[in-house]
């Protein structure tokens, strides 16, 4: 079953392509999930949503900062990412 690309993914890809051609850009990835994993059928292992997205950034050979703490000043970063897809508050 083929999935259509999400709008967020397309916007991110557009930002990466446009910003990457002009100059280097800084990505901050805020790891704000609860480490809930799901079985990844491609790699046949359990991955959290953060691990899956970080793997994609690594395969695209993009430099990023990964941290559980949100910095007070985000003005140093061109792109701020987080994944809440499996986040369960409480």
N, C-alpha and C. Protein backbone atom coordinates (compact mmCIF):
# COMPACT_ATOMS: atom_id res chain seq x y z
N UNK A 1 0.84 -1.17 0.00
CA UNK A 1 0.00 0.00 0.00
C UNK A 1 0.89 1.24 0.00
N UNK A 2 0.71 2.08 -0.99
CA UNK A 2 1.49 3.32 -1.07
C UNK A 2 0.83 4.42 -0.27
N UNK A 3 1.64 5.20 0.41
CA UNK A 3 1.13 6.33 1.17
C UNK A 3 1.50 7.62 0.46
N UNK A 4 0.62 8.59 0.51
CA UNK A 4 0.93 9.90 -0.05
C UNK A 4 1.83 10.62 0.94
N UNK A 5 2.79 11.39 0.43
CA UNK A 5 3.65 12.15 1.34
C UNK A 5 2.84 13.16 2.14
N UNK A 6 3.20 13.32 3.37
CA UNK A 6 2.47 14.28 4.22
C UNK A 6 2.88 15.70 3.85
N UNK A 7 2.00 16.64 4.16
CA UNK A 7 2.27 18.04 3.88
C UNK A 7 3.47 18.55 4.65
N UNK A 8 3.60 18.09 5.90
CA UNK A 8 4.74 18.52 6.72
C UNK A 8 6.04 18.02 6.11
N UNK A 9 6.04 16.80 5.66
CA UNK A 9 7.24 16.24 5.04
C UNK A 9 7.63 16.98 3.78
N UNK A 10 6.64 17.35 2.98
CA UNK A 10 6.93 18.09 1.76
C UNK A 10 7.45 19.49 2.05
N UNK A 11 6.88 20.15 3.07
CA UNK A 11 7.37 21.48 3.45
C UNK A 11 8.80 21.38 3.95
N UNK A 12 9.09 20.38 4.79
CA UNK A 12 10.45 20.21 5.29
C UNK A 12 11.43 19.96 4.14
N UNK A 13 11.04 19.09 3.21
CA UNK A 13 11.90 18.80 2.07
C UNK A 13 12.14 20.06 1.25
N UNK A 14 11.12 20.87 1.06
CA UNK A 14 11.26 22.12 0.33
C UNK A 14 12.22 23.06 1.04
N UNK A 15 12.09 23.17 2.36
CA UNK A 15 13.01 24.02 3.13
C UNK A 15 14.43 23.51 3.00
N UNK A 16 14.61 22.20 3.09
CA UNK A 16 15.95 21.62 2.99
C UNK A 16 16.56 21.89 1.62
N UNK A 17 15.78 21.70 0.58
CA UNK A 17 16.31 21.89 -0.77
C UNK A 17 16.63 23.36 -1.06
N UNK A 18 15.74 24.25 -0.67
CA UNK A 18 15.96 25.67 -0.94
C UNK A 18 17.07 26.25 -0.08
N UNK A 19 17.07 25.93 1.20
CA UNK A 19 18.09 26.48 2.09
C UNK A 19 19.44 25.82 1.86
N UNK A 20 19.45 24.55 1.54
CA UNK A 20 20.70 23.83 1.36
C UNK A 20 21.49 24.30 0.16
N UNK A 21 20.79 24.72 -0.89
CA UNK A 21 21.49 25.18 -2.08
C UNK A 21 22.15 26.52 -1.88
N UNK A 22 21.58 27.35 -1.05
CA UNK A 22 22.10 28.70 -0.88
C UNK A 22 23.22 28.76 0.16
N UNK A 23 23.02 28.08 1.27
CA UNK A 23 24.00 28.14 2.35
C UNK A 23 23.73 27.00 3.31
N UNK A 24 24.66 26.80 4.23
CA UNK A 24 24.44 25.79 5.27
C UNK A 24 23.37 26.30 6.22
N UNK A 25 22.60 25.39 6.79
CA UNK A 25 21.56 25.78 7.72
C UNK A 25 21.64 24.90 8.96
N UNK A 26 21.14 25.42 10.04
CA UNK A 26 21.20 24.75 11.33
C UNK A 26 19.84 24.13 11.65
N UNK A 27 19.86 22.84 12.01
CA UNK A 27 18.65 22.12 12.37
C UNK A 27 18.73 21.76 13.85
N UNK A 28 17.68 22.06 14.59
CA UNK A 28 17.57 21.63 15.97
C UNK A 28 16.44 20.61 16.05
N UNK A 29 16.73 19.42 16.56
CA UNK A 29 15.72 18.39 16.73
C UNK A 29 15.47 18.22 18.22
N UNK A 30 14.29 18.59 18.64
CA UNK A 30 13.90 18.49 20.04
C UNK A 30 13.32 17.10 20.27
N UNK A 31 14.02 16.29 21.04
CA UNK A 31 13.57 14.93 21.33
C UNK A 31 12.58 14.98 22.48
N UNK A 32 11.32 15.09 22.13
CA UNK A 32 10.26 15.23 23.13
C UNK A 32 9.24 14.12 22.95
N UNK A 33 9.70 12.90 23.12
CA UNK A 33 8.79 11.77 23.06
C UNK A 33 9.00 10.91 24.30
N UNK A 34 8.24 9.86 24.42
CA UNK A 34 8.35 9.02 25.62
C UNK A 34 9.03 7.68 25.32
N UNK A 35 9.83 7.65 24.26
CA UNK A 35 10.59 6.45 23.86
C UNK A 35 9.71 5.25 23.57
N UNK A 36 8.47 5.47 23.18
CA UNK A 36 7.59 4.39 22.79
C UNK A 36 7.96 3.94 21.38
N UNK A 37 8.31 2.70 21.24
CA UNK A 37 8.75 2.20 19.95
C UNK A 37 7.68 1.42 19.22
N UNK A 38 7.86 1.33 17.92
CA UNK A 38 7.01 0.51 17.07
C UNK A 38 7.92 -0.36 16.22
N UNK A 39 7.38 -1.45 15.74
CA UNK A 39 8.15 -2.35 14.91
C UNK A 39 8.30 -1.76 13.52
N UNK A 40 9.53 -1.58 13.08
CA UNK A 40 9.82 -1.06 11.75
C UNK A 40 9.97 -2.25 10.80
N UNK A 41 9.08 -2.37 9.80
CA UNK A 41 9.14 -3.52 8.91
C UNK A 41 10.34 -3.48 7.96
N UNK A 42 10.87 -2.31 7.68
CA UNK A 42 11.99 -2.20 6.75
C UNK A 42 13.28 -2.69 7.41
N UNK A 43 13.55 -2.23 8.62
CA UNK A 43 14.79 -2.59 9.32
C UNK A 43 14.59 -3.76 10.28
N UNK A 44 13.35 -4.23 10.42
CA UNK A 44 13.03 -5.36 11.28
C UNK A 44 13.56 -5.16 12.70
N UNK A 45 13.27 -3.99 13.26
CA UNK A 45 13.69 -3.66 14.61
C UNK A 45 12.68 -2.68 15.20
N UNK A 46 12.76 -2.47 16.50
CA UNK A 46 11.87 -1.50 17.14
C UNK A 46 12.55 -0.13 17.11
N UNK A 47 11.82 0.87 16.65
CA UNK A 47 12.32 2.23 16.57
C UNK A 47 11.33 3.18 17.20
N UNK A 48 11.83 4.21 17.85
CA UNK A 48 10.96 5.30 18.28
C UNK A 48 10.80 6.25 17.09
N UNK A 49 9.85 7.15 17.20
CA UNK A 49 9.66 8.10 16.11
C UNK A 49 10.90 8.98 15.94
N UNK A 50 11.52 9.35 17.05
CA UNK A 50 12.74 10.16 16.97
C UNK A 50 13.85 9.41 16.28
N UNK A 51 14.05 8.14 16.63
CA UNK A 51 15.09 7.34 16.00
C UNK A 51 14.85 7.21 14.50
N UNK A 52 13.61 7.08 14.11
CA UNK A 52 13.29 6.95 12.70
C UNK A 52 13.61 8.24 11.94
N UNK A 53 13.25 9.39 12.51
CA UNK A 53 13.52 10.67 11.84
C UNK A 53 15.01 11.00 11.84
N UNK A 54 15.70 10.68 12.92
CA UNK A 54 17.15 10.90 12.98
C UNK A 54 17.85 10.04 11.94
N UNK A 55 17.38 8.82 11.75
CA UNK A 55 17.95 7.94 10.73
C UNK A 55 17.79 8.57 9.34
N UNK A 56 16.62 9.17 9.09
CA UNK A 56 16.39 9.84 7.80
C UNK A 56 17.33 11.04 7.63
N UNK A 57 17.51 11.84 8.69
CA UNK A 57 18.44 12.97 8.60
C UNK A 57 19.86 12.50 8.34
N UNK A 58 20.26 11.40 8.99
CA UNK A 58 21.60 10.86 8.76
C UNK A 58 21.77 10.36 7.33
N UNK A 59 20.76 9.70 6.79
CA UNK A 59 20.84 9.20 5.42
C UNK A 59 20.89 10.35 4.41
N UNK A 60 20.28 11.49 4.76
CA UNK A 60 20.36 12.67 3.91
C UNK A 60 21.65 13.45 4.13
N UNK A 61 22.48 12.97 5.07
CA UNK A 61 23.76 13.58 5.41
C UNK A 61 23.59 15.04 5.84
N UNK A 62 22.60 15.27 6.69
CA UNK A 62 22.34 16.60 7.22
C UNK A 62 22.88 16.71 8.64
N UNK A 63 23.48 17.83 8.94
CA UNK A 63 23.96 18.09 10.29
C UNK A 63 22.81 18.64 11.12
N UNK A 64 22.71 18.21 12.35
CA UNK A 64 21.63 18.64 13.23
C UNK A 64 22.09 18.54 14.67
N UNK A 65 21.35 19.21 15.55
CA UNK A 65 21.58 19.12 16.99
C UNK A 65 20.37 18.41 17.58
N UNK A 66 20.60 17.33 18.30
CA UNK A 66 19.54 16.56 18.94
C UNK A 66 19.67 16.75 20.44
N UNK A 67 18.57 17.17 21.09
CA UNK A 67 18.62 17.40 22.52
C UNK A 67 17.24 17.23 23.12
N UNK A 68 17.17 16.73 24.34
CA UNK A 68 15.90 16.61 25.06
C UNK A 68 15.46 17.94 25.67
N UNK A 69 16.39 18.86 25.86
CA UNK A 69 16.09 20.17 26.44
C UNK A 69 15.96 21.21 25.34
N UNK A 70 14.86 21.96 25.41
CA UNK A 70 14.65 23.04 24.45
C UNK A 70 15.49 24.24 24.88
N UNK A 71 16.32 24.76 23.97
CA UNK A 71 17.11 25.94 24.35
C UNK A 71 16.22 27.17 24.53
N UNK A 72 16.68 28.10 25.33
CA UNK A 72 15.94 29.33 25.55
C UNK A 72 15.88 30.20 24.30
N UNK A 73 16.94 30.14 23.50
CA UNK A 73 17.02 30.97 22.30
C UNK A 73 17.14 30.07 21.07
N UNK A 74 16.11 30.09 20.24
CA UNK A 74 16.11 29.27 19.03
C UNK A 74 16.55 30.06 17.80
N UNK A 75 16.97 31.29 17.99
CA UNK A 75 17.32 32.13 16.84
C UNK A 75 18.58 31.64 16.10
N UNK A 76 19.35 30.76 16.73
CA UNK A 76 20.53 30.21 16.07
C UNK A 76 20.18 29.13 15.04
N UNK A 77 18.95 28.68 15.04
CA UNK A 77 18.53 27.57 14.19
C UNK A 77 17.60 28.04 13.09
N UNK A 78 17.77 27.45 11.91
CA UNK A 78 16.90 27.76 10.77
C UNK A 78 15.68 26.85 10.74
N UNK A 79 15.84 25.62 11.24
CA UNK A 79 14.77 24.63 11.26
C UNK A 79 14.69 24.03 12.65
N UNK A 80 13.49 23.97 13.22
CA UNK A 80 13.27 23.31 14.50
C UNK A 80 12.29 22.18 14.27
N UNK A 81 12.68 20.98 14.68
CA UNK A 81 11.85 19.79 14.47
C UNK A 81 11.56 19.12 15.80
N UNK A 82 10.44 18.44 15.86
CA UNK A 82 10.15 17.54 16.97
C UNK A 82 9.20 16.48 16.45
N UNK A 83 9.10 15.40 17.17
CA UNK A 83 8.18 14.34 16.81
C UNK A 83 7.32 14.02 18.01
N UNK A 84 6.03 14.13 17.84
CA UNK A 84 5.08 13.82 18.92
C UNK A 84 4.15 12.70 18.49
N UNK A 85 4.51 11.96 17.46
CA UNK A 85 3.56 11.00 16.90
C UNK A 85 3.19 9.88 17.86
N UNK A 86 4.07 9.51 18.76
CA UNK A 86 3.74 8.45 19.71
C UNK A 86 3.66 8.97 21.13
N UNK A 87 3.66 10.30 21.29
CA UNK A 87 3.72 10.90 22.63
C UNK A 87 2.42 10.70 23.39
N UNK A 88 2.54 10.22 24.61
CA UNK A 88 1.39 10.02 25.48
C UNK A 88 1.61 10.86 26.73
N UNK A 89 0.91 12.00 26.84
CA UNK A 89 1.13 12.84 28.03
C UNK A 89 0.72 12.13 29.31
N UNK A 90 1.41 12.47 30.36
CA UNK A 90 1.04 11.93 31.66
C UNK A 90 2.05 11.03 32.28
